[in-house]
Amino acid sequence: MRTTKGIWLLNSFILLCAAIAIFMDHQKSSWFLVFKPLTTILVILVPLMSKTTDKVFQRWMIIALGFCLLGDILLLKPDFFVYGLGAFLIAHLIFAKGFMEAQGFQKNPIVLVVLLLIGVGLYFWLYPDLGALKYPVAAYVLVILFMVWQAIGLYFKIKKTTFALIASGALFFMFSDSMIAVNKFKMAFKFSGVVILSTYWLAIVLIANSVHTLEKTQSKQ
């Protein structure tokens, strides 16, 4: 019970910190440099505080979120965009590894085809504007599609809260990354920071909380 209350309180702090960070970004305030990584640090505390019998899954989620934090810090400086991209690419690979550790490799072909249609379609739309980043972006697209494929496959296999959070989080992650690509390479749009940051933090909060719900799911088995 204490753990549950602590997680809910922590999620409230994350919501507040994320709102402040988004506002600071919109205002072009230097405080954004503080609140952006701070928000992700708070998200990492969710799986750290969670008591679960699946320590392997918990460990992979913490490591993946750690690389998200590294990516956040690197992306604070535009010149480090490629390095930030690399950090998040590693994070997606680790997320996928953790998802596979939970219930094995997911082979749902329909989900794969739908995701490939979306991802490949978006990539070729962006392709003329990618310049020297054509190959790094292609690799990133394939990796995040793989991560989302495994996440959604988990939910189709076992329709429980834990896997619903993972699937939803992965989809929000894909959406946020897509908006980054559209805003950076195709056309900058108003309130891009609000859209990108809110969906990104929603994504990792959902995935982080899946560790806590996994505890409750397993305790009923």
Protein backbone atom coordinates (compact mmCIF):
# COMPACT_ATOMS: atom_id res chain seq x y z
CA MET A 1 0.00 0.00 0.00
CA ARG A 2 2.78 2.41 0.90
CA THR A 3 4.50 1.67 -2.39
CA THR A 4 1.29 2.37 -4.32
CA LYS A 5 0.79 5.70 -2.55
CA GLY A 6 4.43 6.59 -3.16
CA ILE A 7 4.10 5.82 -6.87
CA TRP A 8 0.96 7.95 -7.17
CA LEU A 9 2.70 10.83 -5.39
CA LEU A 10 5.74 10.46 -7.63
CA ASN A 11 3.54 10.50 -10.72
CA SER A 12 1.98 13.74 -9.46
CA PHE A 13 5.44 15.29 -9.15
CA ILE A 14 6.27 14.10 -12.67
CA LEU A 15 3.12 15.75 -14.02
CA LEU A 16 3.98 19.03 -12.28
CA CYS A 17 7.63 18.95 -13.35
CA ALA A 18 6.73 18.09 -16.95
CA ALA A 19 4.20 20.95 -17.08
CA ILE A 20 6.84 23.39 -15.80
CA ALA A 21 9.41 22.07 -18.30
CA ILE A 22 6.99 22.41 -21.22
CA PHE A 23 6.10 25.95 -20.13
CA MET A 24 9.79 26.87 -19.77
CA ASP A 25 10.50 25.48 -23.23
CA HIS A 26 7.62 27.47 -24.70
CA GLN A 27 8.94 30.61 -23.00
CA LYS A 28 12.50 29.87 -24.20
CA SER A 29 13.66 30.00 -20.60
CA SER A 30 17.05 28.60 -19.57
CA TRP A 31 15.24 26.81 -16.71
CA PHE A 32 14.18 24.28 -19.33
CA LEU A 33 17.75 22.96 -19.16
CA VAL A 34 17.04 22.00 -15.55
CA PHE A 35 13.45 20.81 -15.68
CA LYS A 36 13.78 18.63 -18.79
CA PRO A 37 16.31 16.16 -17.34
CA LEU A 38 14.73 16.48 -13.89
CA THR A 39 11.39 15.26 -15.23
CA THR A 40 12.97 12.18 -16.77
CA ILE A 41 14.94 11.50 -13.58
CA LEU A 42 11.63 11.44 -11.69
CA VAL A 43 10.24 9.00 -14.26
CA ILE A 44 13.21 6.68 -13.66
CA LEU A 45 12.35 6.66 -9.96
CA VAL A 46 9.02 4.96 -10.73
CA PRO A 47 10.50 1.56 -11.69
CA LEU A 48 13.23 2.02 -9.07
CA MET A 49 10.56 2.36 -6.34
CA SER A 50 8.38 -0.43 -7.70
CA LYS A 51 8.35 -3.81 -5.98
CA THR A 52 8.02 -6.53 -8.58
CA THR A 53 8.90 -10.20 -8.77
CA ASP A 54 10.20 -9.69 -12.32
CA LYS A 55 13.52 -8.09 -11.51
CA VAL A 56 14.88 -8.70 -15.00
CA PHE A 57 12.09 -6.68 -16.64
CA GLN A 58 12.50 -3.97 -14.02
CA ARG A 59 16.24 -3.77 -14.68
CA TRP A 60 15.84 -3.46 -18.44
CA MET A 61 13.25 -0.69 -18.07
CA ILE A 62 15.52 1.29 -15.73
CA ILE A 63 18.48 0.97 -18.09
CA ALA A 64 16.37 1.99 -21.10
CA LEU A 65 15.03 5.03 -19.25
CA GLY A 66 18.61 5.90 -18.31
CA PHE A 67 19.46 6.12 -22.01
CA CYS A 68 16.35 8.28 -22.51
CA LEU A 69 17.78 10.63 -19.90
CA LEU A 70 21.10 10.67 -21.75
CA GLY A 71 19.25 11.44 -24.97
CA ASP A 72 17.35 14.26 -23.26
CA ILE A 73 20.59 15.83 -22.09
CA LEU A 74 22.30 15.49 -25.48
CA LEU A 75 19.32 16.98 -27.33
CA LEU A 76 19.52 20.11 -25.19
CA LYS A 77 22.33 21.13 -27.55
CA PRO A 78 21.31 21.10 -31.26
CA ASP A 79 24.85 20.19 -32.33
CA PHE A 80 24.49 16.89 -30.46
CA PHE A 81 21.33 15.82 -32.30
CA VAL A 82 22.94 12.72 -33.84
CA TYR A 83 24.32 11.63 -30.48
CA GLY A 84 20.91 12.15 -28.88
CA LEU A 85 19.40 10.10 -31.68
CA GLY A 86 21.91 7.36 -30.92
CA ALA A 87 21.05 7.38 -27.21
CA PHE A 88 17.36 6.98 -27.93
CA LEU A 89 18.07 4.28 -30.51
CA ILE A 90 19.86 2.29 -27.80
CA ALA A 91 16.96 2.99 -25.41
CA HIS A 92 14.48 1.53 -27.90
CA LEU A 93 16.60 -1.58 -28.36
CA ILE A 94 16.75 -2.05 -24.58
CA PHE A 95 13.01 -1.47 -24.21
CA ALA A 96 12.42 -4.14 -26.87
CA LYS A 97 14.79 -6.52 -25.07
CA GLY A 98 12.88 -5.97 -21.84
CA PHE A 99 9.53 -6.58 -23.52
CA MET A 100 10.85 -9.83 -25.00
CA GLU A 101 12.17 -10.89 -21.59
CA ALA A 102 8.65 -10.46 -20.21
CA GLN A 103 6.79 -12.79 -22.58
CA GLY A 104 9.16 -13.82 -25.36
CA PHE A 105 9.48 -12.65 -28.96
CA GLN A 106 6.19 -11.50 -30.48
CA LYS A 107 5.53 -12.51 -34.10
CA ASN A 108 2.20 -10.78 -34.82
CA PRO A 109 2.45 -10.25 -38.62
CA ILE A 110 -0.54 -7.92 -38.95
CA VAL A 111 0.91 -5.47 -36.43
CA LEU A 112 4.27 -5.63 -38.23
CA VAL A 113 2.76 -4.87 -41.64
CA VAL A 114 0.71 -1.94 -40.33
CA LEU A 115 3.71 -0.45 -38.53
CA LEU A 116 5.94 -0.88 -41.59
CA LEU A 117 3.39 0.88 -43.79
CA ILE A 118 3.28 3.81 -41.37
CA GLY A 119 7.02 3.96 -40.70
CA VAL A 120 8.24 3.45 -44.25
CA GLY A 121 5.63 5.85 -45.57
CA LEU A 122 6.74 8.56 -43.15
CA TYR A 123 10.42 7.92 -43.92
CA PHE A 124 10.01 8.29 -47.68
CA TRP A 125 7.96 11.44 -47.17
CA LEU A 126 10.82 12.90 -45.11
CA TYR A 127 13.59 11.40 -47.29
CA PRO A 128 14.21 14.39 -49.61
CA ASP A 129 14.82 16.64 -46.58
CA LEU A 130 17.02 14.34 -44.49
CA GLY A 131 20.32 15.28 -46.10
CA ALA A 132 23.29 13.52 -44.48
CA LEU A 133 21.00 11.89 -41.89
CA LYS A 134 19.23 9.58 -44.34
CA TYR A 135 20.87 6.41 -43.02
CA PRO A 136 20.84 7.26 -39.29
CA VAL A 137 17.15 8.16 -39.50
CA ALA A 138 16.41 4.96 -41.45
CA ALA A 139 18.10 2.90 -38.74
CA TYR A 140 16.20 4.77 -36.05
CA VAL A 141 12.86 4.20 -37.80
CA LEU A 142 13.48 0.46 -38.06
CA VAL A 143 14.50 0.19 -34.41
CA ILE A 144 11.52 2.09 -33.02
CA LEU A 145 9.17 0.11 -35.28
CA PHE A 146 10.65 -3.09 -33.85
CA MET A 147 10.17 -1.83 -30.29
CA VAL A 148 6.55 -0.84 -30.94
CA TRP A 149 5.90 -4.16 -32.70
CA GLN A 150 7.04 -6.07 -29.62
CA ALA A 151 5.08 -3.77 -27.29
CA ILE A 152 1.79 -4.09 -29.16
CA GLY A 153 2.36 -7.81 -29.62
CA LEU A 154 2.57 -8.17 -25.85
CA TYR A 155 -0.85 -6.62 -25.41
CA PHE A 156 -2.44 -8.75 -28.11
CA LYS A 157 -0.98 -11.81 -26.41
CA ILE A 158 -2.01 -10.89 -22.85
CA LYS A 159 -4.65 -8.19 -22.43
CA LYS A 160 -3.68 -6.94 -18.98
CA THR A 161 -2.99 -3.50 -17.56
CA THR A 162 0.79 -3.92 -17.64
CA PHE A 163 0.88 -4.68 -21.35
CA ALA A 164 -1.74 -2.06 -22.19
CA LEU A 165 0.55 0.54 -20.57
CA ILE A 166 3.54 -0.76 -22.51
CA ALA A 167 1.70 -0.75 -25.85
CA SER A 168 0.24 2.72 -25.27
CA GLY A 169 3.60 4.07 -24.16
CA ALA A 170 5.35 2.67 -27.22
CA LEU A 171 2.76 4.23 -29.55
CA PHE A 172 3.08 7.62 -27.88
CA PHE A 173 6.88 7.29 -28.19
CA MET A 174 6.56 6.63 -31.92
CA PHE A 175 4.20 9.57 -32.31
CA SER A 176 6.51 11.92 -30.39
CA ASP A 177 9.54 10.86 -32.43
CA SER A 178 7.56 11.29 -35.65
CA MET A 179 6.66 14.83 -34.64
CA ILE A 180 10.32 15.57 -33.93
CA ALA A 181 11.20 14.40 -37.43
CA VAL A 182 8.39 16.37 -39.07
CA ASN A 183 9.25 19.52 -37.14
CA LYS A 184 13.00 19.25 -37.77
CA PHE A 185 13.15 18.01 -41.33
CA LYS A 186 9.87 18.84 -43.05
CA MET A 187 8.01 21.78 -41.56
CA ALA A 188 8.25 23.47 -38.20
CA PHE A 189 4.81 23.79 -36.63
CA LYS A 190 3.38 25.89 -33.83
CA PHE A 191 3.44 24.38 -30.35
CA SER A 192 5.74 21.61 -31.57
CA GLY A 193 7.53 21.63 -28.21
CA VAL A 194 4.27 21.13 -26.34
CA VAL A 195 3.21 18.24 -28.57
CA ILE A 196 6.60 16.52 -28.64
CA LEU A 197 7.44 16.82 -24.94
CA SER A 198 3.98 15.98 -23.62
CA THR A 199 3.68 12.81 -25.71
CA TYR A 200 7.28 11.80 -24.95
CA TRP A 201 6.86 12.06 -21.20
CA LEU A 202 3.47 10.38 -21.38
CA ALA A 203 5.17 7.54 -23.26
CA ILE A 204 7.92 6.90 -20.74
CA VAL A 205 5.60 7.42 -17.75
CA LEU A 206 3.27 4.72 -19.09
CA ILE A 207 6.16 2.33 -19.67
CA ALA A 208 7.71 3.14 -16.27
CA ASN A 209 4.42 2.47 -14.48
CA SER A 210 4.10 -0.89 -16.21
CA VAL A 211 6.78 -2.15 -13.79
CA HIS A 212 4.56 -1.22 -10.83
CA THR A 213 1.42 -2.76 -12.32
CA LEU A 214 3.35 -5.92 -13.13
CA GLU A 215 3.76 -6.39 -9.37
CA LYS A 216 -0.01 -6.28 -8.88
CA THR A 217 -0.72 -8.47 -11.90
CA GLN A 218 1.68 -11.17 -10.76
CA SER A 219 0.49 -11.07 -7.16
CA LYS A 220 -2.93 -12.28 -8.34
CA GLN A 221 -1.55 -15.28 -10.18
